[in-house]
């Protein structure tokens, strides 16, 4: 999102969303019973505004040391996430 305004980042996320997630589901377990909750059935919609707001605030709070620490931790988590997506693809 570097170099984008908030509105542009939201539009970019919304325009590039792979909508296949709608056929995915969450499994809810209550007392030994399992229920599949499909995203399309619960009208799930990603909250791009909140995601962009969090991204824009990352590294912009606190003193210089706190800001650098937050940026470093965020980049480290992103690298781990990308490595998991590339090395260990989702099993179906």
Foldseek 3Di string as FASTA:
>chain_A
DPPDDLVVQLCVCVVPDDPPQQQAWDWDDDPNDIDTGGCVNVVDDDDSSVVSVVVVCQLVDDDNVVSVVRVVVVVVVVVVVVCCCVVPPDDD
